[in-house]
């Protein structure tokens, strides 16, 4: 199965961003992609650099412009497409939400980001309510290319999220992402952060025997307070042993296309049966914040 991730720089308007994404999606489909994944919050700027109530105007409902635009495109091209929105669920309740379009079958489902960061330049708790653990939680979405374990950005640091998706039958792990460097960090610190980001996700691939697809933003985005984030790109696709199948660089918009062997997870899990050897009788402490 040929899969694609799109590494994109923010443009001036929603229409401009959508148009560029559409062009890249069409190019991916032309080259045979059956699954295409867009980055986190691809319709506009990464607004979470500051806390400002005006940015709530960017939110849209589940059935808003992004869904209608990309659902129609996915139907036309008959591809599975993973999109991202700033969702307005109700007045005062907003989510960071991934949408899945299943080709000519239409809208397949959605996932609301569960882990919400709050760091300098990433003030997401001001904007996003965590997803509902008891309603959707870590539930894969069935599509014609397989069961997609769709998570979002900050979720990528948590092995529990990847594991629960795998246990529920996910065949791919997908992380639409918006992450970059604080410009005040030195080169060594930037290198450590980028390395950790890639290592932890490749570790999810290894621990669960699943391919991982990670599209990230690229380019510098300046906030209203003058601070800025240099989004580090480096979008990648890894196989079920964590092997890098493709990787973009830190500076350029990129369309990554890779042929993924969907049968490979079966053979990898036979030689590395990590799920078989889990001691589920000994893990009850994991539901605690700390062990006293």
Protein backbone atom coordinates (compact mmCIF):
# COMPACT_ATOMS: atom_id res chain seq x y z
CA UNK A 1 0.00 0.00 0.00
CA UNK A 2 1.50 3.33 -1.04
CA UNK A 3 1.17 5.97 1.66
CA UNK A 4 2.02 9.67 1.66
CA UNK A 5 2.63 12.32 4.31
CA UNK A 6 2.62 16.02 3.43
CA UNK A 7 5.05 18.44 5.11
CA UNK A 8 3.66 21.93 4.54
CA UNK A 9 4.47 25.54 5.44
CA UNK A 10 1.68 27.83 6.63
CA UNK A 11 0.27 30.28 4.09
CA UNK A 12 -1.63 33.54 4.41
CA UNK A 13 -5.20 32.23 4.44
CA UNK A 14 -7.26 29.10 4.96
CA UNK A 15 -8.04 29.08 1.25
CA UNK A 16 -4.33 29.24 0.39
CA UNK A 17 -3.49 26.41 2.78
CA UNK A 18 -6.33 24.25 1.49
CA UNK A 19 -5.36 24.88 -2.11
CA UNK A 20 -1.75 23.88 -1.50
CA UNK A 21 -2.83 20.76 0.40
CA UNK A 22 -5.21 19.82 -2.40
CA UNK A 23 -2.43 20.18 -4.98
CA UNK A 24 -0.13 17.94 -2.95
CA UNK A 25 -2.87 15.38 -2.32
CA UNK A 26 -3.64 15.20 -6.02
CA UNK A 27 0.06 14.72 -6.74
CA UNK A 28 0.26 11.92 -4.17
CA UNK A 29 -2.80 10.20 -5.62
CA UNK A 30 -1.39 10.55 -9.14
CA UNK A 31 1.71 8.70 -7.93
CA UNK A 32 -0.41 5.88 -6.52
CA UNK A 33 -0.95 6.86 -2.87
CA UNK A 34 -3.97 5.19 -1.28
CA UNK A 35 -3.44 6.85 2.13
CA UNK A 36 -2.50 10.52 2.54
CA UNK A 37 -1.91 12.25 5.88
CA UNK A 38 -1.84 16.01 6.47
CA UNK A 39 -0.08 17.73 9.38
CA UNK A 40 -1.70 19.06 12.55
CA UNK A 41 -3.87 22.18 12.14
CA UNK A 42 -2.96 22.44 8.46
CA UNK A 43 -5.67 24.99 7.62
CA UNK A 44 -3.93 27.90 9.31
CA UNK A 45 -1.14 29.13 11.58
CA UNK A 46 -0.09 27.40 14.75
CA UNK A 47 -1.98 29.93 16.89
CA UNK A 48 -1.17 28.33 20.25
CA UNK A 49 2.06 30.37 20.60
CA UNK A 50 0.00 32.92 22.53
CA UNK A 51 -3.20 32.96 24.57
CA UNK A 52 -5.71 35.14 22.70
CA UNK A 53 -9.47 34.67 22.65
CA UNK A 54 -9.76 35.96 19.07
CA UNK A 55 -8.20 32.73 17.84
CA UNK A 56 -11.33 30.82 18.87
CA UNK A 57 -12.85 32.35 15.73
CA UNK A 58 -10.69 29.91 13.73
CA UNK A 59 -12.59 26.91 15.10
CA UNK A 60 -15.10 24.99 13.00
CA UNK A 61 -17.62 22.19 13.61
CA UNK A 62 -16.93 18.58 12.69
CA UNK A 63 -18.93 19.04 9.49
CA UNK A 64 -17.36 22.40 8.61
CA UNK A 65 -15.34 23.62 5.64
CA UNK A 66 -12.34 21.34 6.15
CA UNK A 67 -14.44 18.18 6.31
CA UNK A 68 -16.64 19.07 3.33
CA UNK A 69 -13.65 20.14 1.21
CA UNK A 70 -11.44 17.13 1.87
CA UNK A 71 -14.23 14.56 2.06
CA UNK A 72 -15.22 15.54 -1.48
CA UNK A 73 -11.60 15.29 -2.61
CA UNK A 74 -11.14 11.88 -0.99
CA UNK A 75 -14.31 10.64 -2.70
CA UNK A 76 -13.14 11.97 -6.06
CA UNK A 77 -9.68 10.39 -5.80
CA UNK A 78 -10.92 7.34 -3.84
CA UNK A 79 -8.15 7.64 -1.26
CA UNK A 80 -8.09 7.53 2.53
CA UNK A 81 -7.26 11.00 3.83
CA UNK A 82 -6.39 12.11 7.38
CA UNK A 83 -7.06 15.80 8.07
CA UNK A 84 -6.88 18.05 11.13
CA UNK A 85 -9.18 20.76 12.50
CA UNK A 86 -9.59 23.14 15.41
CA UNK A 87 -13.01 21.83 16.36
CA UNK A 88 -15.77 23.85 18.00
CA UNK A 89 -17.85 21.21 19.72
CA UNK A 90 -19.96 23.70 21.68
CA UNK A 91 -19.66 27.22 23.03
CA UNK A 92 -16.64 27.09 25.33
CA UNK A 93 -15.66 23.52 24.37
CA UNK A 94 -13.03 23.14 21.66
CA UNK A 95 -10.87 20.23 20.54
CA UNK A 96 -7.81 19.48 18.44
CA UNK A 97 -9.37 16.87 16.18
CA UNK A 98 -8.25 14.55 13.39
CA UNK A 99 -10.76 13.56 10.70
CA UNK A 100 -10.58 10.45 8.53
CA UNK A 101 -12.12 10.32 5.05
CA UNK A 102 -12.49 6.82 3.60
CA UNK A 103 -12.45 7.42 -0.14
CA UNK A 104 -15.79 6.88 -1.85
CA UNK A 105 -17.20 5.67 1.48
CA UNK A 106 -17.01 9.21 2.81
CA UNK A 107 -16.38 10.30 6.40
CA UNK A 108 -15.10 7.38 8.49
CA UNK A 109 -14.59 8.91 11.94
CA UNK A 110 -12.58 11.25 14.10
CA UNK A 111 -10.15 11.36 17.00
CA UNK A 112 -9.88 14.14 19.59
CA UNK A 113 -6.39 14.78 20.93
CA UNK A 114 -6.11 13.29 24.41
CA UNK A 115 -2.83 14.70 25.74
CA UNK A 116 -2.76 18.50 25.77
CA UNK A 117 0.56 20.34 26.36
CA UNK A 118 1.12 23.67 28.05
CA UNK A 119 4.65 24.94 27.43
CA UNK A 120 6.11 28.28 26.33
CA UNK A 121 4.97 28.75 22.74
CA UNK A 122 2.62 25.74 22.96
CA UNK A 123 -0.25 27.02 25.13
CA UNK A 124 -2.71 24.38 24.01
CA UNK A 125 -4.54 23.97 27.30
CA UNK A 126 -5.94 27.47 26.77
CA UNK A 127 -7.64 26.30 23.57
CA UNK A 128 -8.24 22.55 23.64
CA UNK A 129 -10.35 20.30 25.83
CA UNK A 130 -8.92 16.75 26.03
CA UNK A 131 -10.79 14.06 24.14
CA UNK A 132 -13.35 11.95 25.96
CA UNK A 133 -11.71 8.79 27.31
CA UNK A 134 -15.06 7.09 27.86
CA UNK A 135 -16.58 7.99 24.47
CA UNK A 136 -13.87 7.71 21.83
CA UNK A 137 -10.56 7.39 23.65
CA UNK A 138 -7.92 5.44 21.77
CA UNK A 139 -10.13 3.72 19.21
CA UNK A 140 -8.82 2.85 15.72
CA UNK A 141 -10.81 3.97 12.70
CA UNK A 142 -11.69 1.37 10.06
CA UNK A 143 -10.94 2.28 6.45
CA UNK A 144 -10.45 0.49 3.15
CA UNK A 145 -6.65 0.55 3.64
CA UNK A 146 -6.81 -0.83 7.18
CA UNK A 147 -7.48 0.13 10.79
CA UNK A 148 -5.86 3.49 11.50
CA UNK A 149 -4.57 4.32 14.97
CA UNK A 150 -4.83 8.10 14.61
CA UNK A 151 -3.29 10.16 17.39
CA UNK A 152 -2.15 13.81 17.42
CA UNK A 153 1.23 15.42 18.18
CA UNK A 154 1.68 15.51 21.99
CA UNK A 155 0.13 12.03 22.12
CA UNK A 156 3.32 10.83 20.43
CA UNK A 157 5.28 11.03 23.69
CA UNK A 158 3.01 8.54 25.47
CA UNK A 159 3.59 4.80 24.92
CA UNK A 160 0.25 4.08 26.59
CA UNK A 161 -1.64 5.73 23.71
CA UNK A 162 0.21 3.78 21.03
CA UNK A 163 -0.19 0.54 22.97
CA UNK A 164 -3.93 0.97 23.45
CA UNK A 165 -4.35 1.64 19.74
CA UNK A 166 -2.35 -1.50 18.96
CA UNK A 167 -4.34 -3.61 21.43
CA UNK A 168 -7.55 -2.39 19.79
CA UNK A 169 -6.35 -3.66 16.43
CA UNK A 170 -4.70 -0.66 14.76
CA UNK A 171 -2.62 -1.61 11.73
CA UNK A 172 -0.90 1.78 11.38
CA UNK A 173 -0.02 4.51 13.88
CA UNK A 174 -0.49 8.06 12.57
CA UNK A 175 0.60 11.29 14.27
CA UNK A 176 -0.31 14.61 12.59
CA UNK A 177 2.16 17.00 14.22
CA UNK A 178 3.14 20.64 14.78
CA UNK A 179 6.44 20.78 16.64
CA UNK A 180 9.52 22.93 16.38
CA UNK A 181 12.41 24.59 18.11
CA UNK A 182 12.43 27.47 20.54
CA UNK A 183 14.78 29.89 18.80
CA UNK A 184 16.59 30.60 22.08
CA UNK A 185 17.81 26.98 22.37
CA UNK A 186 21.36 26.23 21.24
CA UNK A 187 22.19 23.77 18.47
CA UNK A 188 22.96 20.90 20.85
CA UNK A 189 19.61 21.23 22.60
CA UNK A 190 17.78 21.40 19.27
CA UNK A 191 19.53 18.23 18.14
CA UNK A 192 18.57 16.41 21.35
CA UNK A 193 14.92 17.43 21.04
CA UNK A 194 14.64 16.36 17.41
CA UNK A 195 16.37 13.07 18.16
CA UNK A 196 14.10 12.34 21.12
CA UNK A 197 11.00 13.12 19.05
CA UNK A 198 11.96 10.65 16.37
CA UNK A 199 13.29 7.98 18.73
CA UNK A 200 10.15 7.83 20.85
CA UNK A 201 7.90 7.35 17.82
CA UNK A 202 10.16 4.79 16.21
CA UNK A 203 10.03 3.08 19.61
CA UNK A 204 6.24 2.90 19.33
CA UNK A 205 6.70 1.17 15.98
CA UNK A 206 9.08 -1.38 17.53
CA UNK A 207 7.08 -2.00 20.72
CA UNK A 208 3.87 -2.58 18.79
CA UNK A 209 5.15 -4.02 15.52
CA UNK A 210 3.38 -1.36 13.46
CA UNK A 211 4.34 1.21 10.81
CA UNK A 212 4.29 4.84 11.97
CA UNK A 213 3.48 7.88 9.79
CA UNK A 214 4.38 11.37 11.04
CA UNK A 215 3.74 14.56 9.03
CA UNK A 216 5.11 17.73 10.66
CA UNK A 217 4.97 21.42 9.81
CA UNK A 218 7.95 23.30 8.42
CA UNK A 219 8.96 26.97 8.37
CA UNK A 220 9.15 29.82 10.88
CA UNK A 221 5.88 31.20 12.29
CA UNK A 222 6.00 34.50 14.19
CA UNK A 223 3.43 35.15 16.93
CA UNK A 224 1.77 38.46 17.77
CA UNK A 225 4.09 38.89 20.77
CA UNK A 226 7.14 38.70 18.50
CA UNK A 227 8.20 35.21 19.57
CA UNK A 228 8.53 32.54 16.92
CA UNK A 229 8.79 28.80 16.39
CA UNK A 230 10.97 27.21 13.75
CA UNK A 231 8.98 24.09 12.91
CA UNK A 232 11.56 21.40 12.36
CA UNK A 233 9.90 19.35 9.61
CA UNK A 234 11.67 15.97 9.45
CA UNK A 235 8.38 14.24 8.68
CA UNK A 236 8.96 10.51 8.41
CA UNK A 237 7.53 7.07 7.86
CA UNK A 238 8.94 4.11 9.79
CA UNK A 239 8.35 0.39 9.46
CA UNK A 240 7.29 -2.06 12.21
CA UNK A 241 10.87 -2.54 13.43
CA UNK A 242 11.38 1.21 13.64
CA UNK A 243 13.31 1.27 10.39
CA UNK A 244 13.19 4.61 8.58
CA UNK A 245 11.45 4.19 5.23
CA UNK A 246 11.51 7.89 4.31
CA UNK A 247 12.33 11.21 5.98
CA UNK A 248 12.00 14.86 4.95
CA UNK A 249 14.50 17.56 5.88
CA UNK A 250 14.09 20.48 8.30
CA UNK A 251 13.70 23.26 5.77
CA UNK A 252 11.54 22.34 2.79
CA UNK A 253 7.98 21.43 1.99
CA UNK A 254 7.97 17.77 1.08
CA UNK A 255 5.69 15.07 -0.23
CA UNK A 256 6.90 11.72 1.14
CA UNK A 257 5.66 8.58 -0.59
CA UNK A 258 6.45 5.07 0.59
CA UNK A 259 5.26 1.57 -0.25
CA UNK A 260 4.23 -0.04 3.04
CA UNK A 261 4.06 -3.82 3.25
CA UNK A 262 0.88 -4.28 5.27
CA UNK A 263 1.69 -7.97 5.83
CA UNK A 264 5.05 -7.22 7.45
CA UNK A 265 3.60 -6.60 10.93
CA UNK A 266 2.48 -10.23 11.01
CA UNK A 267 6.00 -11.54 10.38
CA UNK A 268 7.60 -9.04 12.78
CA UNK A 269 5.21 -9.93 15.58
CA UNK A 270 6.00 -13.62 15.07
CA UNK A 271 9.71 -13.08 15.73
CA UNK A 272 9.21 -10.35 18.35
CA UNK A 273 6.01 -11.39 20.18
CA UNK A 274 5.91 -8.46 22.58
CA UNK A 275 2.13 -8.53 22.88
CA UNK A 276 2.21 -12.22 23.83
CA UNK A 277 4.68 -11.67 26.66
CA UNK A 278 2.99 -8.71 28.32
CA UNK A 279 2.41 -9.26 32.05
CA UNK A 280 -1.05 -7.78 32.17
CA UNK A 281 -1.51 -9.15 35.69
CA UNK A 282 1.28 -6.86 36.93
CA UNK A 283 0.40 -3.53 35.32
CA UNK A 284 -2.39 -2.26 37.58
CA UNK A 285 -0.17 0.54 38.95
CA UNK A 286 -0.13 2.18 35.52
CA UNK A 287 -3.51 3.76 36.25
CA UNK A 288 -1.98 5.80 39.09
CA UNK A 289 -0.28 9.19 38.71
CA UNK A 290 2.65 8.00 40.85
CA UNK A 291 3.40 4.89 42.88
CA UNK A 292 3.64 5.76 46.57
